[in-house]
Amino acid sequence: MPLISLADQERLRTELANKLESPVRVELERHARDKNCKPCEQSEELLQEITALSTTLTLHTRLTTSELAPAIRLVGKARGQVRFLGVPAGYELPSLIEALVDVSRGQTELSETARGQLNALSHRVQVRVFTTPT
């Protein structure tokens, strides 16, 4: 049984077809030591379903010894990186889809003012957003 309903898959397929502009490489890191990592399995299954909806998306999985696994990195036209730690399910799924679109386009919907302020930064900045399941 799929994690994403067939109706939602169709909506996502249409959304991705209309919004993705260039290829995105979806990289998943799974635990090398824990072969029965449930969050890793859930993440891989979810990402397989999503990447199957568009030829613009490719999924690459590798094993890691990092305790942060499962970890997802989106690589595309965008400068910088977008990473998700843990399973991007529930309320995190729309954030993942938005990030795929942003990485594919190489830009976000930030205002010109905000872009100017970010471009004026003299050093590298790392932004972390933490969420907890509810």
N, C-alpha and C. Protein backbone atom coordinates (compact mmCIF):
# COMPACT_ATOMS: atom_id res chain seq x y z
N MET A 1 0.85 -1.18 0.00
CA MET A 1 0.00 0.00 0.00
C MET A 1 0.89 1.24 0.00
N PRO A 2 0.62 2.17 -0.90
CA PRO A 2 1.47 3.37 -0.98
C PRO A 2 1.27 4.30 0.21
N LEU A 3 2.31 5.06 0.52
CA LEU A 3 2.23 6.05 1.60
C LEU A 3 1.40 7.26 1.15
N ILE A 4 1.48 7.58 -0.13
CA ILE A 4 0.73 8.71 -0.69
C ILE A 4 -0.44 8.12 -1.47
N SER A 5 -1.66 8.57 -1.16
CA SER A 5 -2.84 8.03 -1.83
C SER A 5 -2.74 8.27 -3.34
N LEU A 6 -3.45 7.47 -4.11
CA LEU A 6 -3.41 7.60 -5.57
C LEU A 6 -3.93 8.97 -6.02
N ALA A 7 -4.95 9.47 -5.34
CA ALA A 7 -5.48 10.80 -5.68
C ALA A 7 -4.43 11.87 -5.42
N ASP A 8 -3.74 11.78 -4.27
CA ASP A 8 -2.69 12.75 -3.95
C ASP A 8 -1.50 12.61 -4.90
N GLN A 9 -1.22 11.38 -5.32
CA GLN A 9 -0.14 11.18 -6.30
C GLN A 9 -0.46 11.91 -7.60
N GLU A 10 -1.70 11.82 -8.04
CA GLU A 10 -2.09 12.51 -9.28
C GLU A 10 -1.96 14.03 -9.13
N ARG A 11 -2.39 14.56 -7.99
CA ARG A 11 -2.27 16.00 -7.75
C ARG A 11 -0.79 16.41 -7.73
N LEU A 12 0.03 15.60 -7.06
CA LEU A 12 1.46 15.90 -7.01
C LEU A 12 2.11 15.80 -8.38
N ARG A 13 1.74 14.80 -9.16
CA ARG A 13 2.28 14.63 -10.51
C ARG A 13 2.02 15.90 -11.34
N THR A 14 0.79 16.41 -11.25
CA THR A 14 0.42 17.62 -11.99
C THR A 14 1.20 18.82 -11.48
N GLU A 15 1.27 18.96 -10.16
CA GLU A 15 2.00 20.09 -9.57
C GLU A 15 3.47 20.06 -9.97
N LEU A 16 4.09 18.91 -9.89
CA LEU A 16 5.52 18.80 -10.25
C LEU A 16 5.72 19.07 -11.74
N ALA A 17 4.82 18.58 -12.57
CA ALA A 17 4.93 18.82 -14.02
C ALA A 17 4.84 20.31 -14.34
N ASN A 18 4.02 21.02 -13.60
CA ASN A 18 3.83 22.45 -13.85
C ASN A 18 4.90 23.34 -13.23
N LYS A 19 5.57 22.86 -12.17
CA LYS A 19 6.46 23.74 -11.42
C LYS A 19 7.95 23.41 -11.52
N LEU A 20 8.31 22.16 -11.75
CA LEU A 20 9.73 21.82 -11.81
C LEU A 20 10.31 22.32 -13.13
N GLU A 21 11.47 22.98 -13.05
CA GLU A 21 12.09 23.56 -14.24
C GLU A 21 13.37 22.88 -14.67
N SER A 22 14.11 22.32 -13.73
CA SER A 22 15.36 21.64 -14.06
C SER A 22 15.54 20.44 -13.13
N PRO A 23 16.44 19.52 -13.48
CA PRO A 23 16.58 18.29 -12.69
C PRO A 23 16.96 18.54 -11.24
N VAL A 24 16.46 17.66 -10.38
CA VAL A 24 16.80 17.68 -8.96
C VAL A 24 17.25 16.27 -8.57
N ARG A 25 18.40 16.21 -7.94
CA ARG A 25 18.92 14.96 -7.42
C ARG A 25 18.53 14.89 -5.94
N VAL A 26 17.78 13.86 -5.59
CA VAL A 26 17.34 13.65 -4.21
C VAL A 26 18.26 12.59 -3.62
N GLU A 27 19.04 12.99 -2.62
CA GLU A 27 20.00 12.07 -2.01
C GLU A 27 19.53 11.68 -0.62
N LEU A 28 19.42 10.38 -0.39
CA LEU A 28 18.99 9.86 0.91
C LEU A 28 20.15 9.10 1.54
N GLU A 29 20.45 9.46 2.77
CA GLU A 29 21.45 8.71 3.56
C GLU A 29 20.71 7.84 4.56
N ARG A 30 21.01 6.54 4.50
CA ARG A 30 20.43 5.56 5.42
C ARG A 30 21.50 5.08 6.38
N HIS A 31 21.07 4.57 7.55
CA HIS A 31 22.02 4.00 8.52
C HIS A 31 22.71 2.78 7.93
N ALA A 32 24.03 2.75 8.03
CA ALA A 32 24.79 1.59 7.57
C ALA A 32 24.74 0.46 8.60
N ARG A 33 24.71 0.84 9.87
CA ARG A 33 24.75 -0.17 10.94
C ARG A 33 23.38 -0.74 11.27
N ASP A 34 22.33 0.06 11.14
CA ASP A 34 20.98 -0.38 11.51
C ASP A 34 20.21 -0.73 10.24
N LYS A 35 20.25 -1.99 9.86
CA LYS A 35 19.58 -2.44 8.63
C LYS A 35 18.06 -2.39 8.76
N ASN A 36 17.55 -2.34 9.98
CA ASN A 36 16.10 -2.30 10.21
C ASN A 36 15.64 -0.92 10.67
N CYS A 37 16.30 0.11 10.20
CA CYS A 37 15.97 1.49 10.56
C CYS A 37 14.61 1.86 9.95
N LYS A 38 13.56 1.86 10.77
CA LYS A 38 12.20 2.15 10.29
C LYS A 38 12.09 3.54 9.66
N PRO A 39 12.63 4.59 10.31
CA PRO A 39 12.55 5.91 9.67
C PRO A 39 13.28 5.93 8.32
N CYS A 40 14.37 5.19 8.19
CA CYS A 40 15.10 5.12 6.91
C CYS A 40 14.23 4.45 5.85
N GLU A 41 13.58 3.36 6.24
CA GLU A 41 12.70 2.64 5.30
C GLU A 41 11.54 3.52 4.87
N GLN A 42 10.93 4.23 5.83
CA GLN A 42 9.80 5.11 5.51
C GLN A 42 10.23 6.25 4.59
N SER A 43 11.39 6.82 4.87
CA SER A 43 11.90 7.92 4.03
C SER A 43 12.15 7.42 2.62
N GLU A 44 12.78 6.27 2.50
CA GLU A 44 13.09 5.75 1.16
C GLU A 44 11.82 5.43 0.39
N GLU A 45 10.85 4.81 1.04
CA GLU A 45 9.59 4.50 0.37
C GLU A 45 8.87 5.77 -0.08
N LEU A 46 8.82 6.77 0.79
CA LEU A 46 8.18 8.04 0.46
C LEU A 46 8.89 8.72 -0.72
N LEU A 47 10.22 8.76 -0.67
CA LEU A 47 10.99 9.40 -1.75
C LEU A 47 10.87 8.63 -3.06
N GLN A 48 10.78 7.31 -2.99
CA GLN A 48 10.58 6.52 -4.21
C GLN A 48 9.24 6.89 -4.85
N GLU A 49 8.22 7.03 -4.03
CA GLU A 49 6.90 7.40 -4.56
C GLU A 49 6.93 8.78 -5.19
N ILE A 50 7.58 9.73 -4.53
CA ILE A 50 7.63 11.11 -5.04
C ILE A 50 8.45 11.19 -6.32
N THR A 51 9.64 10.60 -6.32
CA THR A 51 10.51 10.71 -7.50
C THR A 51 9.93 9.94 -8.69
N ALA A 52 9.06 8.97 -8.45
CA ALA A 52 8.41 8.25 -9.55
C ALA A 52 7.38 9.11 -10.27
N LEU A 53 7.02 10.24 -9.67
CA LEU A 53 6.00 11.11 -10.25
C LEU A 53 6.54 12.09 -11.28
N SER A 54 7.87 12.19 -11.41
CA SER A 54 8.46 13.14 -12.35
C SER A 54 9.81 12.63 -12.84
N THR A 55 10.03 12.71 -14.14
CA THR A 55 11.33 12.31 -14.69
C THR A 55 12.41 13.34 -14.36
N THR A 56 12.02 14.48 -13.83
CA THR A 56 12.97 15.52 -13.44
C THR A 56 13.65 15.18 -12.12
N LEU A 57 13.06 14.27 -11.34
CA LEU A 57 13.58 13.90 -10.03
C LEU A 57 14.28 12.54 -10.09
N THR A 58 15.46 12.46 -9.48
CA THR A 58 16.15 11.17 -9.37
C THR A 58 16.53 10.94 -7.91
N LEU A 59 16.39 9.71 -7.49
CA LEU A 59 16.70 9.33 -6.11
C LEU A 59 17.99 8.54 -6.08
N HIS A 60 18.88 8.93 -5.18
CA HIS A 60 20.15 8.24 -4.98
C HIS A 60 20.26 7.96 -3.48
N THR A 61 20.46 6.68 -3.14
CA THR A 61 20.53 6.26 -1.75
C THR A 61 21.93 5.75 -1.44
N ARG A 62 22.42 6.12 -0.26
CA ARG A 62 23.71 5.58 0.17
C ARG A 62 23.66 5.34 1.68
N LEU A 63 24.58 4.50 2.12
CA LEU A 63 24.67 4.18 3.54
C LEU A 63 25.63 5.14 4.23
N THR A 64 25.34 5.44 5.48
CA THR A 64 26.18 6.34 6.27
C THR A 64 26.27 5.83 7.70
N THR A 65 27.30 6.26 8.39
CA THR A 65 27.41 5.93 9.81
C THR A 65 26.93 7.10 10.67
N SER A 66 26.48 8.15 10.06
CA SER A 66 25.99 9.32 10.78
C SER A 66 24.75 8.99 11.60
N GLU A 67 24.70 9.53 12.78
CA GLU A 67 23.54 9.35 13.65
C GLU A 67 22.36 10.22 13.19
N LEU A 68 22.59 11.08 12.21
CA LEU A 68 21.54 11.97 11.72
C LEU A 68 20.63 11.30 10.69
N ALA A 69 20.96 10.09 10.30
CA ALA A 69 20.17 9.40 9.28
C ALA A 69 18.80 9.03 9.85
N PRO A 70 17.76 9.06 9.04
CA PRO A 70 17.80 9.36 7.62
C PRO A 70 17.99 10.86 7.37
N ALA A 71 18.78 11.16 6.37
CA ALA A 71 19.03 12.54 5.98
C ALA A 71 18.80 12.66 4.48
N ILE A 72 18.14 13.73 4.08
CA ILE A 72 17.82 13.96 2.67
C ILE A 72 18.47 15.27 2.25
N ARG A 73 19.14 15.24 1.11
CA ARG A 73 19.75 16.45 0.55
C ARG A 73 19.21 16.62 -0.85
N LEU A 74 18.81 17.85 -1.17
CA LEU A 74 18.30 18.18 -2.50
C LEU A 74 19.36 18.96 -3.25
N VAL A 75 19.72 18.48 -4.42
CA VAL A 75 20.76 19.11 -5.23
C VAL A 75 20.15 19.46 -6.59
N GLY A 76 20.27 20.73 -6.96
CA GLY A 76 19.72 21.16 -8.23
C GLY A 76 20.33 22.46 -8.66
N LYS A 77 19.52 23.28 -9.27
CA LYS A 77 19.96 24.55 -9.83
C LYS A 77 20.31 25.57 -8.74
N ALA A 78 19.73 25.40 -7.57
CA ALA A 78 19.90 26.38 -6.49
C ALA A 78 21.31 26.39 -5.95
N ARG A 79 21.74 27.55 -5.54
CA ARG A 79 23.00 27.71 -4.83
C ARG A 79 22.76 27.30 -3.39
N GLY A 80 23.66 26.62 -2.78
CA GLY A 80 23.47 26.18 -1.40
C GLY A 80 22.82 24.82 -1.35
N GLN A 81 22.38 24.43 -0.17
CA GLN A 81 21.81 23.11 0.04
C GLN A 81 20.52 23.19 0.83
N VAL A 82 19.67 22.24 0.57
CA VAL A 82 18.47 22.05 1.39
C VAL A 82 18.55 20.63 1.90
N ARG A 83 18.49 20.49 3.23
CA ARG A 83 18.56 19.17 3.84
C ARG A 83 17.39 18.97 4.78
N PHE A 84 16.91 17.74 4.82
CA PHE A 84 15.88 17.34 5.76
C PHE A 84 16.46 16.21 6.59
N LEU A 85 16.28 16.26 7.88
CA LEU A 85 16.71 15.18 8.76
C LEU A 85 15.45 14.51 9.30
N GLY A 86 15.41 13.20 9.22
CA GLY A 86 14.23 12.48 9.65
C GLY A 86 13.27 12.25 8.50
N VAL A 87 12.12 11.70 8.81
CA VAL A 87 11.12 11.37 7.78
C VAL A 87 10.30 12.62 7.46
N PRO A 88 10.27 13.04 6.19
CA PRO A 88 9.50 14.24 5.84
C PRO A 88 8.03 13.91 5.59
N ALA A 89 7.37 13.37 6.60
CA ALA A 89 5.97 12.97 6.46
C ALA A 89 5.07 13.95 7.18
N GLY A 90 3.79 13.76 7.02
CA GLY A 90 2.82 14.63 7.70
C GLY A 90 2.96 16.06 7.23
N TYR A 91 3.11 16.98 8.18
CA TYR A 91 3.20 18.40 7.85
C TYR A 91 4.51 18.75 7.15
N GLU A 92 5.49 17.85 7.18
CA GLU A 92 6.78 18.11 6.53
C GLU A 92 6.71 17.86 5.03
N LEU A 93 5.76 17.07 4.58
CA LEU A 93 5.68 16.72 3.16
C LEU A 93 5.49 17.96 2.27
N PRO A 94 4.57 18.87 2.58
CA PRO A 94 4.46 20.08 1.75
C PRO A 94 5.76 20.90 1.71
N SER A 95 6.49 20.92 2.82
CA SER A 95 7.78 21.63 2.84
C SER A 95 8.78 20.97 1.90
N LEU A 96 8.77 19.65 1.86
CA LEU A 96 9.65 18.93 0.95
C LEU A 96 9.30 19.24 -0.50
N ILE A 97 8.02 19.23 -0.83
CA ILE A 97 7.59 19.52 -2.21
C ILE A 97 7.97 20.94 -2.60
N GLU A 98 7.74 21.90 -1.70
CA GLU A 98 8.15 23.30 -1.97
C GLU A 98 9.64 23.40 -2.19
N ALA A 99 10.41 22.70 -1.37
CA ALA A 99 11.87 22.73 -1.50
C ALA A 99 12.30 22.12 -2.83
N LEU A 100 11.66 21.05 -3.27
CA LEU A 100 11.99 20.46 -4.57
C LEU A 100 11.78 21.48 -5.69
N VAL A 101 10.68 22.21 -5.62
CA VAL A 101 10.38 23.22 -6.63
C VAL A 101 11.41 24.35 -6.58
N ASP A 102 11.71 24.83 -5.38
CA ASP A 102 12.69 25.91 -5.23
C ASP A 102 14.06 25.51 -5.75
N VAL A 103 14.50 24.30 -5.41
CA VAL A 103 15.81 23.83 -5.85
C VAL A 103 15.82 23.66 -7.38
N SER A 104 14.72 23.20 -7.93
CA SER A 104 14.61 23.03 -9.37
C SER A 104 14.67 24.37 -10.11
N ARG A 105 14.05 25.37 -9.53
CA ARG A 105 14.03 26.70 -10.15
C ARG A 105 15.28 27.52 -9.85
N GLY A 106 15.97 27.14 -8.79
CA GLY A 106 17.17 27.89 -8.43
C GLY A 106 16.85 29.20 -7.72
N GLN A 107 15.63 29.32 -7.23
CA GLN A 107 15.23 30.54 -6.52
C GLN A 107 14.04 30.25 -5.62
N THR A 108 13.82 31.16 -4.70
CA THR A 108 12.68 31.05 -3.79
C THR A 108 11.76 32.24 -4.04
N GLU A 109 10.72 32.33 -3.28
CA GLU A 109 9.78 33.44 -3.41
C GLU A 109 10.10 34.57 -2.44
N LEU A 110 11.35 34.66 -2.02
CA LEU A 110 11.76 35.76 -1.14
C LEU A 110 11.63 37.10 -1.86
N SER A 111 11.32 38.13 -1.10
CA SER A 111 11.21 39.46 -1.69
C SER A 111 12.59 39.95 -2.12
N GLU A 112 12.61 40.92 -3.01
CA GLU A 112 13.88 41.50 -3.47
C GLU A 112 14.65 42.13 -2.30
N THR A 113 13.93 42.70 -1.37
CA THR A 113 14.57 43.29 -0.19
C THR A 113 15.31 42.23 0.61
N ALA A 114 14.63 41.12 0.86
CA ALA A 114 15.25 40.03 1.61
C ALA A 114 16.44 39.45 0.86
N ARG A 115 16.31 39.30 -0.46
CA ARG A 115 17.43 38.80 -1.28
C ARG A 115 18.63 39.72 -1.17
N GLY A 116 18.39 41.02 -1.22
CA GLY A 116 19.47 41.99 -1.11
C GLY A 116 20.17 41.90 0.23
N GLN A 117 19.39 41.75 1.28
CA GLN A 117 19.98 41.64 2.61
C GLN A 117 20.81 40.36 2.74
N LEU A 118 20.32 39.26 2.20
CA LEU A 118 21.07 38.01 2.25
C LEU A 118 22.35 38.09 1.41
N ASN A 119 22.26 38.70 0.25
CA ASN A 119 23.44 38.84 -0.61
C ASN A 119 24.50 39.75 0.02
N ALA A 120 24.08 40.63 0.92
CA ALA A 120 25.02 41.54 1.57
C ALA A 120 25.77 40.90 2.73
N LEU A 121 25.37 39.70 3.14
CA LEU A 121 26.07 39.03 4.24
C LEU A 121 27.51 38.75 3.86
N SER A 122 28.41 38.99 4.81
CA SER A 122 29.84 38.83 4.53
C SER A 122 30.36 37.44 4.89
N HIS A 123 29.53 36.61 5.50
CA HIS A 123 29.98 35.27 5.88
C HIS A 123 28.86 34.26 5.61
N ARG A 124 29.23 33.01 5.64
CA ARG A 124 28.29 31.92 5.41
C ARG A 124 27.30 31.82 6.56
N VAL A 125 26.06 31.51 6.25
CA VAL A 125 25.02 31.38 7.25
C VAL A 125 24.35 30.01 7.09
N GLN A 126 24.10 29.37 8.22
CA GLN A 126 23.39 28.11 8.21
C GLN A 126 22.09 28.31 8.97
N VAL A 127 20.98 28.00 8.32
CA VAL A 127 19.66 28.15 8.95
C VAL A 127 19.14 26.75 9.25
N ARG A 128 18.70 26.55 10.48
CA ARG A 128 18.14 25.28 10.89
C ARG A 128 16.73 25.51 11.41
N VAL A 129 15.82 24.67 10.94
CA VAL A 129 14.45 24.74 11.40
C VAL A 129 14.14 23.41 12.05
N PHE A 130 13.68 23.43 13.28
CA PHE A 130 13.38 22.21 14.01
C PHE A 130 11.86 22.08 14.18
N THR A 131 11.37 20.88 13.94
CA THR A 131 9.95 20.60 14.17
C THR A 131 9.85 19.31 14.98
N THR A 132 8.72 19.15 15.62
CA THR A 132 8.48 17.92 16.36
C THR A 132 7.13 17.37 15.93
N PRO A 133 6.99 16.06 15.91
CA PRO A 133 5.70 15.48 15.55
C PRO A 133 4.65 15.86 16.58
N THR A 134 3.43 16.05 16.11
CA THR A 134 2.34 16.39 17.02
C THR A 134 1.28 15.33 17.01
